[in-house]
Amino acid sequence: MPVPQPRKRPYHHGDLRESLIDTAIAIIGERGVGGFSIAEASRRLGVTSAAPYRHFADRDRLLAAAAARAADRLAADLAAATAEEAGPADRLAAAARAYVRFTAERPALFHVLYHSGLDKSAHPELLSAGRGVSEQFTGPARDLLGATGDADALALAAAASAHGHAMLLADEPPGGADARTAADRAAVAVRALVAGWPRTA
């Protein structure tokens, strides 16, 4: 006599939306953005292929929600790291270090955020979420230099340095540079950047 299988717990609307985002991130972490599909997310969640479309109009909308989730998480990690430092130069270095650590500790989120290929102008939620990340660099830079164009340029340079180190770490073969070393290098680079940055009289 066959053993009866337990019925799948039905999703409520809010549960399914969040579960789709979680599942999208998991699939992208395993297969990359090119390997992600709504059909695969539906299969893993045990829902019909039509169910996700009650929450997301298409694949890009789901990807955008996943990327916004990743940006919010990155912003929170940076904010926690910079809150532990008093001086603005220290906060910039801490932001760079935390940015690289995010790559190592949350690779699926990093991949979702920077390899989705989405047009940000078509997804305002991404622009909004991205401002939370940028502020962790612009805030300390403005504290250091004042609310000037130079401060914004310093923030952009520090963020670019952090991102470059993160990408290098993401591309490391197995057994390459460890996350702590890469994060420390990013912090040292940003400190050097700050030290050499011209101050206005």
N, C-alpha and C. Protein backbone atom coordinates (compact mmCIF):
# COMPACT_ATOMS: atom_id res chain seq x y z
N MET A 1 0.86 -1.19 0.00
CA MET A 1 0.00 0.00 0.00
C MET A 1 0.89 1.24 0.00
N PRO A 2 0.67 2.16 -0.94
CA PRO A 2 1.53 3.33 -1.01
C PRO A 2 1.37 4.22 0.22
N VAL A 3 2.50 4.81 0.63
CA VAL A 3 2.47 5.71 1.78
C VAL A 3 1.95 7.06 1.32
N PRO A 4 0.90 7.59 1.96
CA PRO A 4 0.39 8.90 1.54
C PRO A 4 1.43 9.98 1.75
N GLN A 5 1.56 10.84 0.76
CA GLN A 5 2.51 11.94 0.83
C GLN A 5 1.86 13.14 1.52
N PRO A 6 2.63 13.85 2.35
CA PRO A 6 2.05 15.02 3.00
C PRO A 6 1.71 16.09 1.96
N ARG A 7 0.62 16.76 2.20
CA ARG A 7 0.24 17.84 1.28
C ARG A 7 1.16 19.03 1.48
N LYS A 8 1.47 19.69 0.40
CA LYS A 8 2.31 20.87 0.50
C LYS A 8 1.54 21.97 1.23
N ARG A 9 2.23 22.67 2.10
CA ARG A 9 1.59 23.77 2.81
C ARG A 9 1.32 24.90 1.83
N PRO A 10 0.07 25.34 1.72
CA PRO A 10 -0.22 26.39 0.76
C PRO A 10 0.45 27.70 1.15
N TYR A 11 0.90 28.44 0.16
CA TYR A 11 1.51 29.73 0.42
C TYR A 11 0.45 30.80 0.52
N HIS A 12 0.65 31.69 1.46
CA HIS A 12 -0.12 32.93 1.43
C HIS A 12 0.63 33.87 0.51
N HIS A 13 -0.05 34.92 0.08
CA HIS A 13 0.56 35.81 -0.91
C HIS A 13 1.90 36.37 -0.43
N GLY A 14 1.93 36.91 0.78
CA GLY A 14 3.17 37.49 1.27
C GLY A 14 4.27 36.45 1.41
N ASP A 15 3.92 35.25 1.87
CA ASP A 15 4.91 34.19 2.02
C ASP A 15 5.54 33.82 0.67
N LEU A 16 4.71 33.70 -0.35
CA LEU A 16 5.23 33.28 -1.64
C LEU A 16 6.16 34.34 -2.22
N ARG A 17 5.81 35.58 -2.08
CA ARG A 17 6.66 36.65 -2.62
C ARG A 17 8.07 36.58 -2.01
N GLU A 18 8.12 36.50 -0.69
CA GLU A 18 9.42 36.45 -0.03
C GLU A 18 10.16 35.16 -0.36
N SER A 19 9.42 34.06 -0.45
CA SER A 19 10.05 32.78 -0.77
C SER A 19 10.60 32.78 -2.19
N LEU A 20 9.93 33.45 -3.10
CA LEU A 20 10.43 33.56 -4.47
C LEU A 20 11.75 34.33 -4.51
N ILE A 21 11.83 35.40 -3.73
CA ILE A 21 13.07 36.18 -3.68
C ILE A 21 14.20 35.33 -3.10
N ASP A 22 13.92 34.65 -1.99
CA ASP A 22 14.93 33.78 -1.39
C ASP A 22 15.40 32.71 -2.37
N THR A 23 14.45 32.11 -3.07
CA THR A 23 14.78 31.03 -3.99
C THR A 23 15.55 31.54 -5.19
N ALA A 24 15.18 32.72 -5.68
CA ALA A 24 15.91 33.32 -6.80
C ALA A 24 17.37 33.53 -6.42
N ILE A 25 17.61 34.04 -5.22
CA ILE A 25 18.98 34.27 -4.76
C ILE A 25 19.74 32.95 -4.66
N ALA A 26 19.08 31.93 -4.14
CA ALA A 26 19.73 30.63 -4.01
C ALA A 26 20.10 30.05 -5.37
N ILE A 27 19.20 30.13 -6.33
CA ILE A 27 19.47 29.58 -7.67
C ILE A 27 20.61 30.34 -8.33
N ILE A 28 20.58 31.66 -8.22
CA ILE A 28 21.64 32.46 -8.84
C ILE A 28 22.99 32.17 -8.18
N GLY A 29 22.98 31.94 -6.88
CA GLY A 29 24.21 31.56 -6.20
C GLY A 29 24.77 30.25 -6.71
N GLU A 30 23.90 29.35 -7.13
CA GLU A 30 24.34 28.05 -7.63
C GLU A 30 24.70 28.08 -9.11
N ARG A 31 23.89 28.78 -9.90
CA ARG A 31 23.97 28.67 -11.36
C ARG A 31 24.31 29.96 -12.08
N GLY A 32 24.36 31.08 -11.36
CA GLY A 32 24.53 32.36 -12.01
C GLY A 32 23.21 32.88 -12.52
N VAL A 33 23.21 34.15 -12.93
CA VAL A 33 21.98 34.78 -13.40
C VAL A 33 21.43 34.06 -14.62
N GLY A 34 22.32 33.61 -15.50
CA GLY A 34 21.87 32.93 -16.72
C GLY A 34 21.15 31.63 -16.43
N GLY A 35 21.41 31.02 -15.28
CA GLY A 35 20.77 29.76 -14.94
C GLY A 35 19.48 29.91 -14.16
N PHE A 36 19.07 31.17 -13.94
CA PHE A 36 17.85 31.40 -13.16
C PHE A 36 16.63 31.51 -14.06
N SER A 37 15.55 30.89 -13.63
CA SER A 37 14.27 31.03 -14.33
C SER A 37 13.14 30.97 -13.31
N ILE A 38 12.05 31.61 -13.63
CA ILE A 38 10.88 31.55 -12.76
C ILE A 38 10.35 30.13 -12.69
N ALA A 39 10.46 29.40 -13.78
CA ALA A 39 9.99 28.02 -13.79
C ALA A 39 10.75 27.18 -12.77
N GLU A 40 12.07 27.37 -12.69
CA GLU A 40 12.86 26.61 -11.73
C GLU A 40 12.51 27.02 -10.30
N ALA A 41 12.30 28.31 -10.06
CA ALA A 41 11.90 28.76 -8.73
C ALA A 41 10.56 28.16 -8.34
N SER A 42 9.64 28.11 -9.28
CA SER A 42 8.32 27.52 -9.02
C SER A 42 8.46 26.04 -8.67
N ARG A 43 9.30 25.35 -9.43
CA ARG A 43 9.49 23.92 -9.19
C ARG A 43 10.03 23.67 -7.78
N ARG A 44 11.02 24.45 -7.38
CA ARG A 44 11.61 24.25 -6.06
C ARG A 44 10.63 24.54 -4.93
N LEU A 45 9.75 25.50 -5.19
CA LEU A 45 8.79 25.88 -4.15
C LEU A 45 7.53 25.02 -4.17
N GLY A 46 7.39 24.20 -5.22
CA GLY A 46 6.23 23.34 -5.29
C GLY A 46 4.94 24.07 -5.61
N VAL A 47 5.04 25.14 -6.40
CA VAL A 47 3.85 25.88 -6.81
C VAL A 47 3.72 25.80 -8.33
N THR A 48 2.58 26.18 -8.84
CA THR A 48 2.40 26.16 -10.29
C THR A 48 3.27 27.22 -10.94
N SER A 49 3.57 27.04 -12.20
CA SER A 49 4.41 28.00 -12.92
C SER A 49 3.73 29.36 -13.07
N ALA A 50 2.41 29.39 -12.88
CA ALA A 50 1.68 30.66 -12.99
C ALA A 50 1.67 31.43 -11.68
N ALA A 51 1.87 30.74 -10.55
CA ALA A 51 1.73 31.39 -9.24
C ALA A 51 2.65 32.59 -9.04
N PRO A 52 3.93 32.54 -9.44
CA PRO A 52 4.81 33.70 -9.21
C PRO A 52 4.33 34.97 -9.90
N TYR A 53 3.59 34.83 -10.98
CA TYR A 53 3.20 36.02 -11.75
C TYR A 53 2.12 36.83 -11.04
N ARG A 54 1.60 36.31 -9.93
CA ARG A 54 0.71 37.13 -9.12
C ARG A 54 1.50 38.17 -8.34
N HIS A 55 2.80 37.97 -8.22
CA HIS A 55 3.66 38.87 -7.44
C HIS A 55 4.67 39.62 -8.31
N PHE A 56 5.10 39.00 -9.40
CA PHE A 56 6.11 39.61 -10.26
C PHE A 56 5.66 39.48 -11.71
N ALA A 57 5.64 40.60 -12.40
CA ALA A 57 5.14 40.59 -13.77
C ALA A 57 6.00 39.76 -14.70
N ASP A 58 7.30 39.70 -14.42
CA ASP A 58 8.20 38.93 -15.28
C ASP A 58 9.48 38.63 -14.52
N ARG A 59 10.40 37.95 -15.19
CA ARG A 59 11.66 37.53 -14.58
C ARG A 59 12.46 38.72 -14.07
N ASP A 60 12.50 39.81 -14.85
CA ASP A 60 13.28 40.98 -14.45
C ASP A 60 12.75 41.59 -13.16
N ARG A 61 11.44 41.58 -12.97
CA ARG A 61 10.88 42.14 -11.74
C ARG A 61 11.31 41.32 -10.52
N LEU A 62 11.35 40.03 -10.68
CA LEU A 62 11.81 39.18 -9.58
C LEU A 62 13.30 39.39 -9.35
N LEU A 63 14.09 39.48 -10.41
CA LEU A 63 15.51 39.75 -10.26
C LEU A 63 15.74 41.09 -9.57
N ALA A 64 14.95 42.10 -9.92
CA ALA A 64 15.10 43.42 -9.31
C ALA A 64 14.80 43.36 -7.81
N ALA A 65 13.79 42.61 -7.43
CA ALA A 65 13.47 42.47 -6.01
C ALA A 65 14.60 41.77 -5.27
N ALA A 66 15.19 40.75 -5.90
CA ALA A 66 16.32 40.05 -5.29
C ALA A 66 17.53 40.97 -5.17
N ALA A 67 17.79 41.76 -6.19
CA ALA A 67 18.92 42.69 -6.15
C ALA A 67 18.71 43.77 -5.10
N ALA A 68 17.48 44.26 -4.97
CA ALA A 68 17.20 45.25 -3.94
C ALA A 68 17.40 44.65 -2.55
N ARG A 69 17.00 43.40 -2.36
CA ARG A 69 17.25 42.71 -1.09
C ARG A 69 18.75 42.66 -0.82
N ALA A 70 19.54 42.34 -1.84
CA ALA A 70 20.99 42.25 -1.67
C ALA A 70 21.58 43.61 -1.31
N ALA A 71 21.11 44.67 -1.97
CA ALA A 71 21.62 46.01 -1.68
C ALA A 71 21.28 46.44 -0.26
N ASP A 72 20.08 46.12 0.19
CA ASP A 72 19.70 46.45 1.56
C ASP A 72 20.59 45.72 2.56
N ARG A 73 20.90 44.45 2.29
CA ARG A 73 21.75 43.68 3.18
C ARG A 73 23.17 44.24 3.20
N LEU A 74 23.68 44.62 2.02
CA LEU A 74 25.01 45.20 1.95
C LEU A 74 25.05 46.52 2.71
N ALA A 75 24.05 47.36 2.52
CA ALA A 75 24.01 48.64 3.24
C ALA A 75 23.99 48.42 4.74
N ALA A 76 23.24 47.42 5.20
CA ALA A 76 23.18 47.13 6.63
C ALA A 76 24.53 46.66 7.15
N ASP A 77 25.22 45.82 6.39
CA ASP A 77 26.55 45.35 6.80
C ASP A 77 27.54 46.51 6.89
N LEU A 78 27.49 47.41 5.91
CA LEU A 78 28.40 48.55 5.91
C LEU A 78 28.09 49.48 7.08
N ALA A 79 26.80 49.71 7.33
CA ALA A 79 26.41 50.59 8.43
C ALA A 79 26.87 50.03 9.77
N ALA A 80 26.73 48.72 9.95
CA ALA A 80 27.17 48.10 11.20
C ALA A 80 28.68 48.23 11.38
N ALA A 81 29.42 48.09 10.29
CA ALA A 81 30.89 48.18 10.36
C ALA A 81 31.34 49.60 10.64
N THR A 82 30.74 50.57 9.96
CA THR A 82 31.18 51.96 10.13
C THR A 82 30.75 52.53 11.48
N ALA A 83 29.67 52.00 12.06
CA ALA A 83 29.20 52.50 13.35
C ALA A 83 30.20 52.23 14.47
N GLU A 84 31.09 51.29 14.25
CA GLU A 84 32.07 50.93 15.28
C GLU A 84 33.29 51.84 15.26
N GLU A 85 33.37 52.75 14.28
CA GLU A 85 34.54 53.62 14.14
C GLU A 85 34.15 55.07 14.40
N ALA A 86 35.07 55.83 14.98
CA ALA A 86 34.77 57.22 15.33
C ALA A 86 35.16 58.20 14.22
N GLY A 87 36.39 58.09 13.72
CA GLY A 87 36.87 59.06 12.74
C GLY A 87 36.38 58.75 11.34
N PRO A 88 36.21 59.77 10.49
CA PRO A 88 35.70 59.54 9.13
C PRO A 88 36.62 58.69 8.26
N ALA A 89 37.94 58.87 8.41
CA ALA A 89 38.86 58.04 7.63
C ALA A 89 38.75 56.58 8.05
N ASP A 90 38.59 56.35 9.35
CA ASP A 90 38.42 54.99 9.84
C ASP A 90 37.11 54.39 9.33
N ARG A 91 36.06 55.21 9.24
CA ARG A 91 34.77 54.71 8.76
C ARG A 91 34.84 54.35 7.28
N LEU A 92 35.57 55.15 6.50
CA LEU A 92 35.73 54.80 5.09
C LEU A 92 36.48 53.49 4.93
N ALA A 93 37.54 53.32 5.70
CA ALA A 93 38.31 52.07 5.63
C ALA A 93 37.44 50.89 6.08
N ALA A 94 36.63 51.10 7.11
CA ALA A 94 35.76 50.03 7.60
C ALA A 94 34.71 49.67 6.56
N ALA A 95 34.20 50.67 5.85
CA ALA A 95 33.22 50.40 4.79
C ALA A 95 33.84 49.55 3.69
N ALA A 96 35.07 49.88 3.32
CA ALA A 96 35.75 49.10 2.28
C ALA A 96 35.98 47.67 2.74
N ARG A 97 36.41 47.52 3.98
CA ARG A 97 36.65 46.17 4.51
C ARG A 97 35.35 45.36 4.54
N ALA A 98 34.28 45.97 4.99
CA ALA A 98 33.00 45.27 5.08
C ALA A 98 32.45 44.93 3.70
N TYR A 99 32.71 45.78 2.73
CA TYR A 99 32.26 45.54 1.35
C TYR A 99 32.89 44.24 0.81
N VAL A 100 34.17 44.09 1.06
CA VAL A 100 34.87 42.89 0.57
C VAL A 100 34.42 41.66 1.36
N ARG A 101 34.23 41.82 2.65
CA ARG A 101 33.75 40.69 3.46
C ARG A 101 32.37 40.23 2.99
N PHE A 102 31.55 41.17 2.59
CA PHE A 102 30.22 40.83 2.07
C PHE A 102 30.34 39.88 0.88
N THR A 103 31.30 40.17 0.01
CA THR A 103 31.52 39.31 -1.15
C THR A 103 31.85 37.88 -0.74
N ALA A 104 32.68 37.76 0.29
CA ALA A 104 33.10 36.43 0.73
C ALA A 104 32.01 35.72 1.51
N GLU A 105 31.29 36.46 2.35
CA GLU A 105 30.32 35.83 3.25
C GLU A 105 28.96 35.64 2.61
N ARG A 106 28.63 36.47 1.62
CA ARG A 106 27.32 36.41 0.98
C ARG A 106 27.49 36.42 -0.55
N PRO A 107 28.19 35.44 -1.10
CA PRO A 107 28.50 35.48 -2.54
C PRO A 107 27.26 35.48 -3.42
N ALA A 108 26.21 34.79 -3.01
CA ALA A 108 25.00 34.77 -3.83
C ALA A 108 24.39 36.16 -3.91
N LEU A 109 24.37 36.89 -2.78
CA LEU A 109 23.83 38.25 -2.79
C LEU A 109 24.69 39.17 -3.64
N PHE A 110 26.00 39.03 -3.52
CA PHE A 110 26.90 39.86 -4.33
C PHE A 110 26.65 39.60 -5.82
N HIS A 111 26.49 38.35 -6.18
CA HIS A 111 26.26 38.00 -7.58
C HIS A 111 24.93 38.56 -8.07
N VAL A 112 23.90 38.45 -7.27
CA VAL A 112 22.59 38.99 -7.64
C VAL A 112 22.69 40.50 -7.86
N LEU A 113 23.41 41.16 -6.96
CA LEU A 113 23.48 42.62 -6.99
C LEU A 113 24.25 43.15 -8.19
N TYR A 114 25.34 42.49 -8.54
CA TYR A 114 26.23 43.07 -9.55
C TYR A 114 26.27 42.32 -10.88
N HIS A 115 25.52 41.23 -11.02
CA HIS A 115 25.53 40.51 -12.29
C HIS A 115 24.13 40.28 -12.84
N SER A 116 23.16 41.01 -12.33
CA SER A 116 21.79 40.81 -12.81
C SER A 116 21.59 41.37 -14.21
N GLY A 117 22.39 42.36 -14.60
CA GLY A 117 22.26 42.96 -15.93
C GLY A 117 21.03 43.81 -16.10
N LEU A 118 20.41 44.23 -15.00
CA LEU A 118 19.17 45.01 -15.08
C LEU A 118 19.46 46.49 -15.35
N ASP A 119 18.55 47.12 -16.05
CA ASP A 119 18.60 48.56 -16.28
C ASP A 119 18.03 49.24 -15.04
N LYS A 120 18.89 49.89 -14.28
CA LYS A 120 18.43 50.48 -13.02
C LYS A 120 17.39 51.56 -13.23
N SER A 121 17.44 52.24 -14.36
CA SER A 121 16.46 53.30 -14.61
C SER A 121 15.05 52.73 -14.74
N ALA A 122 14.96 51.45 -15.07
CA ALA A 122 13.64 50.81 -15.20
C ALA A 122 13.16 50.21 -13.89
N HIS A 123 14.03 50.24 -12.88
CA HIS A 123 13.69 49.63 -11.59
C HIS A 123 14.07 50.60 -10.48
N PRO A 124 13.20 51.55 -10.15
CA PRO A 124 13.54 52.56 -9.15
C PRO A 124 13.90 51.99 -7.79
N GLU A 125 13.41 50.79 -7.47
CA GLU A 125 13.75 50.19 -6.18
C GLU A 125 15.25 49.91 -6.08
N LEU A 126 15.89 49.67 -7.22
CA LEU A 126 17.34 49.43 -7.20
C LEU A 126 18.10 50.73 -6.92
N LEU A 127 17.63 51.82 -7.50
CA LEU A 127 18.27 53.11 -7.24
C LEU A 127 18.13 53.49 -5.77
N SER A 128 16.95 53.26 -5.22
CA SER A 128 16.71 53.58 -3.82
C SER A 128 17.59 52.73 -2.91
N ALA A 129 17.64 51.43 -3.17
CA ALA A 129 18.46 50.55 -2.35
C ALA A 129 19.94 50.87 -2.49
N GLY A 130 20.36 51.23 -3.69
CA GLY A 130 21.77 51.56 -3.93
C GLY A 130 22.22 52.79 -3.18
N ARG A 131 21.30 53.73 -2.94
CA ARG A 131 21.67 54.93 -2.19
C ARG A 131 22.06 54.58 -0.76
N GLY A 132 21.47 53.54 -0.21
CA GLY A 132 21.85 53.12 1.14
C GLY A 132 23.29 52.65 1.20
N VAL A 133 23.76 52.00 0.14
CA VAL A 133 25.16 51.58 0.06
C VAL A 133 26.06 52.79 -0.12
N SER A 134 25.70 53.66 -1.06
CA SER A 134 26.53 54.84 -1.35
C SER A 134 26.71 55.72 -0.12
N GLU A 135 25.66 55.84 0.68
CA GLU A 135 25.72 56.73 1.83
C GLU A 135 26.78 56.31 2.84
N GLN A 136 27.11 55.03 2.87
CA GLN A 136 28.13 54.56 3.81
C GLN A 136 29.53 55.02 3.40
N PHE A 137 29.66 55.46 2.16
CA PHE A 137 30.92 56.06 1.70
C PHE A 137 30.83 57.59 1.67
N THR A 138 29.70 58.12 1.20
CA THR A 138 29.58 59.59 1.09
C THR A 138 29.52 60.24 2.47
N GLY A 139 28.88 59.58 3.45
CA GLY A 139 28.79 60.19 4.78
C GLY A 139 30.16 60.45 5.38
N PRO A 140 31.03 59.45 5.51
CA PRO A 140 32.36 59.69 6.05
C PRO A 140 33.19 60.66 5.21
N ALA A 141 33.06 60.59 3.87
CA ALA A 141 33.83 61.50 3.02
C ALA A 141 33.42 62.95 3.25
N ARG A 142 32.14 63.18 3.42
CA ARG A 142 31.69 64.55 3.67
C ARG A 142 32.09 65.01 5.07
N ASP A 143 32.10 64.10 6.03
CA ASP A 143 32.59 64.47 7.36
C ASP A 143 34.07 64.85 7.30
N LEU A 144 34.78 64.24 6.39
CA LEU A 144 36.22 64.50 6.27
C LEU A 144 36.50 65.79 5.50
N LEU A 145 35.76 66.01 4.42
CA LEU A 145 36.08 67.12 3.51
C LEU A 145 35.01 68.20 3.45
N GLY A 146 33.88 67.97 4.09
CA GLY A 146 32.77 68.90 3.95
C GLY A 146 31.90 68.51 2.76
N ALA A 147 30.75 69.13 2.66
CA ALA A 147 29.79 68.78 1.59
C ALA A 147 30.21 69.43 0.28
N THR A 148 31.28 68.92 -0.30
CA THR A 148 31.80 69.47 -1.56
C THR A 148 31.85 68.38 -2.60
N GLY A 149 32.09 68.82 -3.85
CA GLY A 149 32.27 67.86 -4.93
C GLY A 149 33.45 66.95 -4.68
N ASP A 150 34.48 67.48 -3.99
CA ASP A 150 35.65 66.66 -3.68
C ASP A 150 35.26 65.50 -2.77
N ALA A 151 34.35 65.75 -1.84
CA ALA A 151 33.92 64.68 -0.93
C ALA A 151 33.20 63.59 -1.71
N ASP A 152 32.35 63.98 -2.63
CA ASP A 152 31.64 62.98 -3.43
C ASP A 152 32.62 62.18 -4.29
N ALA A 153 33.64 62.88 -4.81
CA ALA A 153 34.64 62.20 -5.63
C ALA A 153 35.45 61.22 -4.79
N LEU A 154 35.78 61.62 -3.56
CA LEU A 154 36.51 60.72 -2.66
C LEU A 154 35.66 59.49 -2.33
N ALA A 155 34.39 59.72 -2.05
CA ALA A 155 33.48 58.60 -1.74
C ALA A 155 33.42 57.63 -2.91
N LEU A 156 33.32 58.17 -4.13
CA LEU A 156 33.25 57.32 -5.32
C LEU A 156 34.57 56.54 -5.49
N ALA A 157 35.69 57.20 -5.27
CA ALA A 157 36.98 56.53 -5.40
C ALA A 157 37.13 55.42 -4.36
N ALA A 158 36.70 55.69 -3.14
CA ALA A 158 36.79 54.67 -2.08
C ALA A 158 35.89 53.48 -2.39
N ALA A 159 34.67 53.76 -2.86
CA ALA A 159 33.74 52.68 -3.21
C ALA A 159 34.27 51.88 -4.39
N ALA A 160 34.87 52.57 -5.36
CA ALA A 160 35.42 51.87 -6.52
C ALA A 160 36.59 50.97 -6.11
N SER A 161 37.41 51.45 -5.19
CA SER A 161 38.52 50.63 -4.70
C SER A 161 37.99 49.39 -3.99
N ALA A 162 36.98 49.58 -3.14
CA ALA A 162 36.38 48.45 -2.42
C ALA A 162 35.79 47.45 -3.41
N HIS A 163 35.09 47.97 -4.42
CA HIS A 163 34.46 47.09 -5.39
C HIS A 163 35.51 46.32 -6.20
N GLY A 164 36.59 47.00 -6.55
CA GLY A 164 37.65 46.34 -7.28
C GLY A 164 38.26 45.19 -6.49
N HIS A 165 38.52 45.42 -5.22
CA HIS A 165 39.05 44.34 -4.38
C HIS A 165 38.04 43.21 -4.23
N ALA A 166 36.76 43.57 -4.14
CA ALA A 166 35.73 42.53 -4.03
C ALA A 166 35.67 41.68 -5.29
N MET A 167 35.76 42.32 -6.45
CA MET A 167 35.73 41.57 -7.70
C MET A 167 36.94 40.68 -7.84
N LEU A 168 38.10 41.17 -7.42
CA LEU A 168 39.31 40.33 -7.47
C LEU A 168 39.14 39.11 -6.57
N LEU A 169 38.55 39.32 -5.40
CA LEU A 169 38.33 38.19 -4.50
C LEU A 169 37.34 37.20 -5.12
N ALA A 170 36.29 37.73 -5.73
CA ALA A 170 35.27 36.86 -6.34
C ALA A 170 35.85 36.01 -7.46
N ASP A 171 36.88 36.55 -8.13
CA ASP A 171 37.50 35.84 -9.26
C ASP A 171 38.64 34.93 -8.84
N GLU A 172 38.98 34.92 -7.55
CA GLU A 172 40.11 34.10 -7.08
C GLU A 172 39.80 32.62 -7.27
N PRO A 173 40.77 31.84 -7.76
CA PRO A 173 40.58 30.39 -7.81
C PRO A 173 40.60 29.81 -6.41
N PRO A 174 40.11 28.59 -6.24
CA PRO A 174 40.18 27.95 -4.92
C PRO A 174 41.61 27.95 -4.39
N GLY A 175 41.74 28.32 -3.13
CA GLY A 175 43.07 28.37 -2.53
C GLY A 175 43.78 29.68 -2.73
N GLY A 176 43.09 30.66 -3.37
CA GLY A 176 43.68 31.98 -3.58
C GLY A 176 43.61 32.82 -2.32
N ALA A 177 43.64 34.11 -2.50
CA ALA A 177 43.63 35.03 -1.36
C ALA A 177 42.41 34.78 -0.48
N ASP A 178 42.63 34.80 0.84
CA ASP A 178 41.50 34.59 1.73
C ASP A 178 40.76 35.91 1.93
N ALA A 179 39.55 35.81 2.45
CA ALA A 179 38.67 36.97 2.57
C ALA A 179 39.25 38.03 3.50
N ARG A 180 39.84 37.60 4.60
CA ARG A 180 40.37 38.57 5.55
C ARG A 180 41.51 39.37 4.94
N THR A 181 42.39 38.68 4.22
CA THR A 181 43.50 39.38 3.57
C THR A 181 42.98 40.37 2.54
N ALA A 182 42.03 39.94 1.72
CA ALA A 182 41.47 40.82 0.69
C ALA A 182 40.78 42.03 1.32
N ALA A 183 40.04 41.81 2.41
CA ALA A 183 39.36 42.91 3.07
C ALA A 183 40.35 43.89 3.67
N ASP A 184 41.41 43.37 4.27
CA ASP A 184 42.44 44.24 4.85
C ASP A 184 43.14 45.05 3.77
N ARG A 185 43.38 44.43 2.62
CA ARG A 185 44.01 45.17 1.52
C ARG A 185 43.12 46.31 1.04
N ALA A 186 41.84 46.07 0.99
CA ALA A 186 40.91 47.12 0.58
C ALA A 186 40.94 48.28 1.56
N ALA A 187 40.96 47.97 2.85
CA ALA A 187 41.02 49.02 3.86
C ALA A 187 42.31 49.82 3.76
N VAL A 188 43.44 49.13 3.56
CA VAL A 188 44.73 49.82 3.41
C VAL A 188 44.72 50.73 2.18
N ALA A 189 44.15 50.25 1.09
CA ALA A 189 44.08 51.06 -0.14
C ALA A 189 43.26 52.32 0.08
N VAL A 190 42.15 52.19 0.80
CA VAL A 190 41.31 53.36 1.04
C VAL A 190 42.00 54.34 2.00
N ARG A 191 42.69 53.83 2.98
CA ARG A 191 43.45 54.73 3.87
C ARG A 191 44.51 55.50 3.08
N ALA A 192 45.19 54.83 2.16
CA ALA A 192 46.19 55.50 1.33
C ALA A 192 45.52 56.55 0.44
N LEU A 193 44.36 56.22 -0.07
CA LEU A 193 43.60 57.15 -0.90
C LEU A 193 43.25 58.41 -0.10
N VAL A 194 42.77 58.22 1.11
CA VAL A 194 42.41 59.35 1.96
C VAL A 194 43.63 60.20 2.30
N ALA A 195 44.74 59.52 2.62
CA ALA A 195 45.96 60.25 3.00
C ALA A 195 46.47 61.12 1.87
N GLY A 196 46.34 60.66 0.64
CA GLY A 196 46.84 61.41 -0.50
C GLY A 196 45.83 62.34 -1.14
N TRP A 197 44.62 62.37 -0.60
CA TRP A 197 43.57 63.18 -1.23
C TRP A 197 43.82 64.66 -0.96
N PRO A 198 43.76 65.50 -2.00
CA PRO A 198 44.03 66.94 -1.77
C PRO A 198 42.94 67.59 -0.93
N ARG A 199 43.36 68.37 0.04
CA ARG A 199 42.43 69.18 0.86
C ARG A 199 42.40 70.59 0.34
N THR A 200 41.20 71.15 0.31
CA THR A 200 41.09 72.55 -0.11
C THR A 200 41.49 73.45 1.05
N ALA A 201 42.02 74.58 0.73
CA ALA A 201 42.48 75.51 1.77
C ALA A 201 41.30 76.12 2.49
